[in-house]
């Protein structure tokens, strides 16, 4: 489907409906194509995004494929942080 810029501006929802239906919309200016709006591929999930970033050299793959360690809360001695914050606010 082709649309001029003016028509695309005035009927943007029409262009988006076409894209949702799986069509590509070619935007033209004075009859010359300048841009394309197309639907995303169905398999565009987090894993494929990570692979694309790795291929572009923007991300390094993990050295180990092991899961993250479980988090366990630690208790510390001393005055609770909430009390310290409350006292600081009262002094201000």
N, C-alpha and C. Protein backbone atom coordinates (compact mmCIF):
# COMPACT_ATOMS: atom_id res chain seq x y z
N UNK A 1 0.85 -1.17 0.00
CA UNK A 1 0.00 0.00 0.00
C UNK A 1 0.90 1.23 0.00
N UNK A 2 0.54 2.22 -0.81
CA UNK A 2 1.29 3.48 -0.85
C UNK A 2 0.40 4.62 -0.35
N UNK A 3 1.03 5.55 0.35
CA UNK A 3 0.32 6.73 0.84
C UNK A 3 1.24 7.92 0.71
N UNK A 4 0.67 9.02 0.29
CA UNK A 4 1.41 10.27 0.31
C UNK A 4 1.53 10.76 1.74
N UNK A 5 2.48 11.63 1.99
CA UNK A 5 2.68 12.14 3.35
C UNK A 5 1.44 12.86 3.88
N UNK A 6 0.81 13.65 3.05
CA UNK A 6 -0.38 14.38 3.49
C UNK A 6 -1.50 13.41 3.87
N UNK A 7 -1.72 12.41 3.03
CA UNK A 7 -2.77 11.42 3.31
C UNK A 7 -2.43 10.64 4.57
N UNK A 8 -1.16 10.26 4.73
CA UNK A 8 -0.74 9.52 5.93
C UNK A 8 -0.93 10.37 7.18
N UNK A 9 -0.67 11.66 7.06
CA UNK A 9 -0.84 12.56 8.19
C UNK A 9 -2.32 12.67 8.57
N UNK A 10 -3.17 12.79 7.57
CA UNK A 10 -4.59 12.97 7.83
C UNK A 10 -5.29 11.67 8.19
N UNK A 11 -4.76 10.54 7.73
CA UNK A 11 -5.40 9.24 7.96
C UNK A 11 -4.41 8.24 8.57
N UNK A 12 -3.74 8.65 9.61
CA UNK A 12 -2.73 7.79 10.23
C UNK A 12 -3.33 6.48 10.71
N UNK A 13 -4.54 6.52 11.24
CA UNK A 13 -5.17 5.30 11.73
C UNK A 13 -5.38 4.30 10.60
N UNK A 14 -5.64 4.77 9.40
CA UNK A 14 -5.80 3.90 8.24
C UNK A 14 -4.49 3.17 7.94
N UNK A 15 -3.39 3.89 8.01
CA UNK A 15 -2.08 3.29 7.78
C UNK A 15 -1.77 2.24 8.84
N UNK A 16 -2.07 2.56 10.09
CA UNK A 16 -1.79 1.62 11.18
C UNK A 16 -2.67 0.37 11.06
N UNK A 17 -3.92 0.53 10.65
CA UNK A 17 -4.78 -0.64 10.45
C UNK A 17 -4.20 -1.55 9.37
N UNK A 18 -3.66 -0.96 8.31
CA UNK A 18 -3.05 -1.75 7.25
C UNK A 18 -1.83 -2.51 7.77
N UNK A 19 -1.02 -1.84 8.60
CA UNK A 19 0.17 -2.48 9.17
C UNK A 19 -0.26 -3.62 10.09
N UNK A 20 -1.28 -3.40 10.91
CA UNK A 20 -1.77 -4.46 11.79
C UNK A 20 -2.30 -5.65 11.00
N UNK A 21 -2.80 -5.40 9.80
CA UNK A 21 -3.30 -6.46 8.94
C UNK A 21 -2.16 -7.18 8.21
N UNK A 22 -0.92 -6.75 8.44
CA UNK A 22 0.23 -7.43 7.85
C UNK A 22 0.78 -6.77 6.60
N UNK A 23 0.23 -5.64 6.20
CA UNK A 23 0.70 -4.96 5.00
C UNK A 23 1.83 -3.99 5.32
N UNK A 24 2.65 -3.72 4.30
CA UNK A 24 3.64 -2.66 4.40
C UNK A 24 3.04 -1.41 3.80
N UNK A 25 3.29 -0.27 4.44
CA UNK A 25 2.80 1.01 3.93
C UNK A 25 4.03 1.81 3.49
N UNK A 26 4.07 2.15 2.23
CA UNK A 26 5.18 2.94 1.69
C UNK A 26 4.72 4.40 1.66
N UNK A 27 5.45 5.25 2.36
CA UNK A 27 5.14 6.68 2.39
C UNK A 27 5.88 7.36 1.23
N UNK A 28 5.15 8.18 0.52
CA UNK A 28 5.75 8.85 -0.64
C UNK A 28 5.66 10.37 -0.49
N UNK A 29 6.62 11.04 -1.12
CA UNK A 29 6.61 12.49 -1.20
C UNK A 29 6.76 12.85 -2.66
N UNK A 30 5.72 13.47 -3.20
CA UNK A 30 5.67 13.80 -4.63
C UNK A 30 5.90 12.57 -5.50
N UNK A 31 5.31 11.46 -5.07
CA UNK A 31 5.37 10.23 -5.85
C UNK A 31 6.62 9.39 -5.64
N UNK A 32 7.59 9.88 -4.87
CA UNK A 32 8.82 9.13 -4.63
C UNK A 32 8.78 8.50 -3.24
N UNK A 33 9.06 7.21 -3.14
CA UNK A 33 9.06 6.55 -1.83
C UNK A 33 10.15 7.10 -0.93
N UNK A 34 9.79 7.38 0.32
CA UNK A 34 10.78 7.91 1.26
C UNK A 34 10.88 7.09 2.54
N UNK A 35 9.83 6.32 2.87
CA UNK A 35 9.87 5.54 4.11
C UNK A 35 8.88 4.39 4.01
N UNK A 36 9.09 3.41 4.88
CA UNK A 36 8.21 2.26 4.93
C UNK A 36 7.79 2.03 6.38
N UNK A 37 6.51 1.76 6.57
CA UNK A 37 6.01 1.33 7.87
C UNK A 37 5.61 -0.12 7.68
N UNK A 38 6.20 -1.02 8.47
CA UNK A 38 5.89 -2.43 8.30
C UNK A 38 5.72 -3.09 9.65
N UNK A 39 4.97 -4.19 9.68
CA UNK A 39 4.74 -4.88 10.96
C UNK A 39 6.02 -5.53 11.46
N UNK A 40 6.12 -5.65 12.77
CA UNK A 40 7.25 -6.35 13.37
C UNK A 40 7.09 -7.83 13.14
N UNK A 41 8.20 -8.53 13.10
CA UNK A 41 8.16 -9.97 12.95
C UNK A 41 7.58 -10.58 14.22
N UNK A 42 6.89 -11.68 14.06
CA UNK A 42 6.21 -12.32 15.20
C UNK A 42 7.19 -12.83 16.25
N UNK A 43 8.40 -13.20 15.85
CA UNK A 43 9.35 -13.76 16.81
C UNK A 43 10.25 -12.71 17.45
N UNK A 44 9.85 -11.48 17.45
CA UNK A 44 10.66 -10.41 18.05
C UNK A 44 10.43 -10.42 19.56
N UNK A 45 11.19 -11.24 20.26
CA UNK A 45 11.08 -11.28 21.71
C UNK A 45 12.41 -10.85 22.32
N UNK A 46 12.54 -11.00 23.59
CA UNK A 46 13.74 -10.56 24.28
C UNK A 46 14.99 -11.29 23.82
N UNK A 47 14.88 -12.59 23.55
CA UNK A 47 16.04 -13.36 23.14
C UNK A 47 16.59 -12.89 21.79
N UNK A 48 15.70 -12.62 20.85
CA UNK A 48 16.17 -12.17 19.54
C UNK A 48 16.78 -10.77 19.65
N UNK A 49 16.25 -9.94 20.51
CA UNK A 49 16.81 -8.61 20.71
C UNK A 49 18.23 -8.71 21.28
N UNK A 50 18.43 -9.62 22.22
CA UNK A 50 19.75 -9.81 22.81
C UNK A 50 20.72 -10.31 21.74
N UNK A 51 20.28 -11.26 20.90
CA UNK A 51 21.15 -11.76 19.84
C UNK A 51 21.54 -10.66 18.86
N UNK A 52 20.59 -9.79 18.52
CA UNK A 52 20.90 -8.68 17.59
C UNK A 52 21.94 -7.75 18.21
N UNK A 53 21.81 -7.47 19.51
CA UNK A 53 22.79 -6.60 20.18
C UNK A 53 24.16 -7.27 20.25
N UNK A 54 24.18 -8.58 20.45
CA UNK A 54 25.46 -9.30 20.46
C UNK A 54 26.11 -9.24 19.08
N UNK A 55 25.32 -9.43 18.03
CA UNK A 55 25.86 -9.39 16.67
C UNK A 55 26.38 -8.01 16.30
N UNK A 56 25.75 -6.97 16.86
CA UNK A 56 26.18 -5.61 16.58
C UNK A 56 27.40 -5.21 17.41
N UNK A 57 27.82 -6.09 18.33
CA UNK A 57 28.96 -5.79 19.17
C UNK A 57 28.65 -4.87 20.33
N UNK A 58 27.37 -4.68 20.63
CA UNK A 58 26.97 -3.80 21.73
C UNK A 58 26.77 -4.55 23.04
N UNK A 59 26.80 -5.88 22.96
CA UNK A 59 26.56 -6.70 24.14
C UNK A 59 27.44 -7.94 24.04
N UNK A 60 28.01 -8.35 25.16
CA UNK A 60 28.81 -9.58 25.16
C UNK A 60 27.97 -10.70 25.76
N UNK A 61 28.07 -11.89 25.20
CA UNK A 61 27.32 -13.01 25.78
C UNK A 61 27.90 -13.39 27.14
N UNK A 62 27.06 -13.96 27.97
CA UNK A 62 27.51 -14.38 29.30
C UNK A 62 28.53 -15.51 29.17
N UNK A 63 29.49 -15.55 30.08
CA UNK A 63 30.49 -16.61 30.04
C UNK A 63 29.89 -17.93 30.52
N UNK A 64 29.01 -17.83 31.52
CA UNK A 64 28.37 -19.03 32.07
C UNK A 64 26.89 -18.97 31.77
N UNK A 65 26.31 -20.11 31.54
CA UNK A 65 24.87 -20.19 31.28
C UNK A 65 24.11 -20.60 32.54
N UNK A 66 24.71 -20.42 33.70
CA UNK A 66 24.07 -20.85 34.95
C UNK A 66 23.04 -19.81 35.39
N UNK A 67 22.05 -20.25 36.16
CA UNK A 67 21.05 -19.30 36.66
C UNK A 67 21.65 -18.39 37.73
N UNK A 68 20.99 -17.30 37.98
CA UNK A 68 21.45 -16.37 39.02
C UNK A 68 21.33 -17.02 40.39
N UNK A 69 22.23 -16.70 41.30
CA UNK A 69 22.11 -17.27 42.65
C UNK A 69 20.87 -16.71 43.35
N UNK A 70 20.37 -17.49 44.28
CA UNK A 70 19.20 -17.03 45.03
C UNK A 70 19.60 -15.92 45.98
N UNK A 71 18.69 -15.01 46.18
CA UNK A 71 18.95 -13.87 47.05
C UNK A 71 18.45 -14.19 48.45
N UNK A 72 19.28 -13.94 49.42
CA UNK A 72 18.87 -14.13 50.81
C UNK A 72 19.10 -12.83 51.55
N UNK A 73 18.09 -12.36 52.28
CA UNK A 73 18.25 -11.11 53.01
C UNK A 73 19.26 -11.27 54.15
N UNK A 74 19.95 -10.22 54.43
CA UNK A 74 20.94 -10.21 55.52
C UNK A 74 20.46 -9.27 56.61
N UNK A 75 20.64 -9.68 57.83
CA UNK A 75 20.29 -8.78 58.93
C UNK A 75 21.56 -8.11 59.42
N UNK A 76 21.44 -6.83 59.73
CA UNK A 76 22.58 -6.09 60.22
C UNK A 76 22.24 -5.49 61.57
N UNK A 77 23.26 -5.24 62.34
CA UNK A 77 23.06 -4.69 63.68
C UNK A 77 23.05 -3.17 63.59
N UNK A 78 22.34 -2.55 64.52
CA UNK A 78 22.33 -1.10 64.56
C UNK A 78 20.92 -0.55 64.49
N UNK A 79 20.85 0.77 64.36
CA UNK A 79 19.58 1.47 64.32
C UNK A 79 18.92 1.22 62.96
N UNK A 80 17.61 0.95 62.95
CA UNK A 80 16.93 0.76 61.67
C UNK A 80 17.01 2.02 60.80
N UNK A 81 17.12 1.82 59.52
CA UNK A 81 17.21 2.93 58.58
C UNK A 81 15.97 3.81 58.65
N UNK A 82 14.80 3.20 58.85
CA UNK A 82 13.57 3.99 58.93
C UNK A 82 13.63 5.00 60.07
N UNK A 83 14.20 4.59 61.20
CA UNK A 83 14.30 5.52 62.34
C UNK A 83 15.27 6.66 62.01
N UNK A 84 16.38 6.33 61.39
CA UNK A 84 17.36 7.36 61.01
C UNK A 84 16.74 8.36 60.06
N UNK A 85 15.99 7.89 59.07
CA UNK A 85 15.33 8.78 58.12
C UNK A 85 14.30 9.67 58.81
N UNK A 86 13.54 9.08 59.70
CA UNK A 86 12.52 9.85 60.41
C UNK A 86 13.19 10.97 61.23
N UNK A 87 14.27 10.64 61.91
CA UNK A 87 14.97 11.65 62.71
C UNK A 87 15.54 12.76 61.81
N UNK A 88 16.09 12.38 60.67
CA UNK A 88 16.64 13.37 59.75
C UNK A 88 15.54 14.31 59.26
N UNK A 89 14.37 13.78 58.96
CA UNK A 89 13.25 14.59 58.47
C UNK A 89 12.72 15.52 59.54
N UNK A 90 12.72 15.05 60.77
CA UNK A 90 12.22 15.88 61.88
C UNK A 90 13.17 17.04 62.15
N UNK A 91 14.47 16.86 61.92
CA UNK A 91 15.44 17.91 62.16
C UNK A 91 15.39 18.99 61.06
N UNK A 92 14.93 18.65 59.90
CA UNK A 92 14.91 19.60 58.78
C UNK A 92 13.80 20.60 58.91
